[in-house]
């Protein structure tokens, strides 16, 4: 299975900790968490990131800005708006971006 690196960004520490745990329950998936939006840009620039997972509590303008930022990178970083649901929903969101992982 392809290794995936996630950056989970959100304001509710309990939720982003839970998302990290759910993500890392999948073989080859690793997650870092960030609650400071400004530090997110630096993290994406300095670390390998395949998926930026936007969780709850973020300002709408930040969400728009981080999506534009990721689109303009030389590397292919995907962004998922994730505001809840079970681990199955998260997997489906990931598989929709990386369909070859489902096999």
Protein backbone atom coordinates (compact mmCIF):
# COMPACT_ATOMS: atom_id res chain seq x y z
CA UNK A 1 0.00 0.00 0.00
CA UNK A 2 1.22 3.50 -0.82
CA UNK A 3 2.35 5.50 2.16
CA UNK A 4 0.36 8.70 2.63
CA UNK A 5 1.36 11.70 4.70
CA UNK A 6 -1.48 13.78 6.11
CA UNK A 7 -1.52 17.21 7.68
CA UNK A 8 -4.67 17.56 9.78
CA UNK A 9 -5.59 21.17 10.50
CA UNK A 10 -8.32 22.13 12.95
CA UNK A 11 -9.15 24.03 16.10
CA UNK A 12 -10.66 21.29 18.27
CA UNK A 13 -7.72 19.39 19.77
CA UNK A 14 -9.80 16.36 20.71
CA UNK A 15 -11.12 16.01 17.15
CA UNK A 16 -7.76 16.39 15.44
CA UNK A 17 -6.19 13.92 17.90
CA UNK A 18 -8.95 11.45 17.02
CA UNK A 19 -8.42 12.01 13.30
CA UNK A 20 -4.71 11.35 13.74
CA UNK A 21 -5.47 8.08 15.50
CA UNK A 22 -7.99 7.02 12.80
CA UNK A 23 -5.57 7.88 10.00
CA UNK A 24 -2.68 6.04 11.59
CA UNK A 25 -4.82 2.91 12.04
CA UNK A 26 -4.27 2.41 8.29
CA UNK A 27 -1.06 0.75 7.20
CA UNK A 28 1.34 3.26 5.67
CA UNK A 29 -0.71 6.34 6.62
CA UNK A 30 0.96 8.94 8.86
CA UNK A 31 -0.59 12.12 10.24
CA UNK A 32 0.74 15.31 11.74
CA UNK A 33 -1.66 17.74 13.37
CA UNK A 34 -1.69 21.52 13.46
CA UNK A 35 -4.05 23.93 15.18
CA UNK A 36 -2.21 27.11 14.14
CA UNK A 37 -3.21 27.97 10.59
CA UNK A 38 -0.13 30.11 9.99
CA UNK A 39 2.23 27.23 10.86
CA UNK A 40 0.43 25.01 8.34
CA UNK A 41 2.01 26.71 5.35
CA UNK A 42 5.51 26.21 6.75
CA UNK A 43 4.79 22.57 7.53
CA UNK A 44 3.61 21.90 3.97
CA UNK A 45 6.72 23.54 2.56
CA UNK A 46 9.15 21.66 4.80
CA UNK A 47 7.61 18.18 5.07
CA UNK A 48 6.19 15.62 2.65
CA UNK A 49 2.42 16.04 2.59
CA UNK A 50 0.04 14.15 0.31
CA UNK A 51 -3.24 15.23 1.92
CA UNK A 52 -4.23 18.32 3.87
CA UNK A 53 -7.29 17.40 5.92
CA UNK A 54 -9.33 20.42 7.00
CA UNK A 55 -11.26 19.81 10.20
CA UNK A 56 -13.65 21.95 12.22
CA UNK A 57 -13.17 25.45 13.59
CA UNK A 58 -11.20 26.97 10.73
CA UNK A 59 -11.97 30.36 9.25
CA UNK A 60 -13.54 30.22 5.78
CA UNK A 61 -10.87 32.54 4.34
CA UNK A 62 -8.08 30.29 5.62
CA UNK A 63 -9.74 27.27 3.99
CA UNK A 64 -9.87 29.10 0.66
CA UNK A 65 -6.29 30.34 1.01
CA UNK A 66 -4.79 26.96 1.93
CA UNK A 67 -6.52 25.33 -1.04
CA UNK A 68 -5.05 27.91 -3.42
CA UNK A 69 -1.65 27.53 -1.75
CA UNK A 70 -1.71 23.74 -2.22
CA UNK A 71 -2.82 24.04 -5.86
CA UNK A 72 0.12 26.33 -6.61
CA UNK A 73 2.78 23.99 -5.22
CA UNK A 74 5.03 22.00 -7.50
CA UNK A 75 4.08 18.87 -5.57
CA UNK A 76 0.64 17.27 -5.82
CA UNK A 77 -1.02 18.00 -2.47
CA UNK A 78 -4.72 17.09 -2.17
CA UNK A 79 -7.09 18.90 0.18
CA UNK A 80 -10.06 17.25 1.90
CA UNK A 81 -12.77 19.17 3.74
CA UNK A 82 -13.61 16.76 6.55
CA UNK A 83 -16.17 17.86 9.10
CA UNK A 84 -17.19 14.57 10.65
CA UNK A 85 -18.44 11.12 9.96
CA UNK A 86 -16.92 7.78 10.72
CA UNK A 87 -13.61 6.31 9.68
CA UNK A 88 -15.32 4.73 6.65
CA UNK A 89 -16.22 8.17 5.32
CA UNK A 90 -12.64 9.34 5.71
CA UNK A 91 -11.33 6.29 3.85
CA UNK A 92 -13.81 6.91 1.03
CA UNK A 93 -12.67 10.53 0.80
CA UNK A 94 -9.06 9.36 0.52
CA UNK A 95 -9.88 6.60 -1.97
CA UNK A 96 -11.74 9.09 -4.17
CA UNK A 97 -8.45 11.02 -4.51
CA UNK A 98 -6.26 7.91 -4.78
CA UNK A 99 -8.49 5.22 -6.36
CA UNK A 100 -5.53 2.88 -6.93
CA UNK A 101 -5.25 2.43 -3.13
CA UNK A 102 -8.57 0.59 -3.00
CA UNK A 103 -7.25 -2.41 -4.89
